[in-house]
Amino acid sequence: MKHCNLLLAMTISCLMADSRVTADKYVAGTSLRATMLNKGDNIFEKHFDDQKEVDATLDLRKHTKGTVKNGVMVTIPPSVHGEAPKGAKYGNEESVRSHFKLGRQDYIFSFRVKFLELDRKVKEQICFIDLGHRWIRLEMTPDGSQLVFQNYILGKRGQKKVMVKSKSLKLQYGQWYEGTIEILGDETLFNINGVTFHIKNDLVAKKRETVLAQRFCLDLREVGYHLDYAAAWKPSGFQDTWEEKRAESN
């Protein structure tokens, strides 16, 4: 599988008492390991060596197209290079939307992705790494990242609460990122290239009823990406060392 030199994470601070961001020197592959939870039964694992891996589990929404080539899934926005079918309802869609169907809201998800180099001017440089569409998400931009709650399902459409910010994790095109997202009960941990975002909050455990809310989502505005690994597991409780690690991070 493809690897390249990745980010060296820097020390960063948290914004809330029940939130924590930490960073360590990044070592390739370490962000694909679970930190908080034990891995239970495997739900799926994709290395994108065959077009058949772009199946019903992977919901490429709004005419996003995924083509497996040279060991990666290449995704391109429907509006670029005529990817959307003629007359398509979402033919002008400018985002790549890859949603993995999980049917649950507690899981461990690991992935490796490279955002393609910009070949044109874009309106907004942002990537969403999303647990439950527009509910709990990490927003990556060239200036930094933030973990956000948006009470979309609770009737507060458009309102969002920024839980944690980090200047260390930045969106860079042409850069490989490895990440593992863990969620169980009222706790979630994002680890992207060694930068971790931890939240323990009642809102994490709030039941999310919609189909889109029971998925892992990777959405990128106005440019495509290469995805060469994606895997999900059911959680099997907290790791024995997690209580100590949590205490150290607070």
Foldseek 3Di string as FASTA:
>chain_A
DDDDDAAQFDADAWDDPQKFKGFHGFDPPPQQDDDWFDFDAWPDKFQLPDPPVCDPQKDFPLQWDWDRDPRWTKTWFLCPPPSHPVPRPSNNGQKGKIKGQDPAQFKKKKWKKAFADDPDDFDAFWKWWDQFPQAWIWIAAQQWIWTKGDVCVVPRPPDIDTGTTDRRGHDDHRHMKIWMWGADAQWIWIAISRIIMIGRGNSSNPDDPDRSNRITMIMTGRGMMIIRIMIMGHTDGTDPCNVVVSVVRD
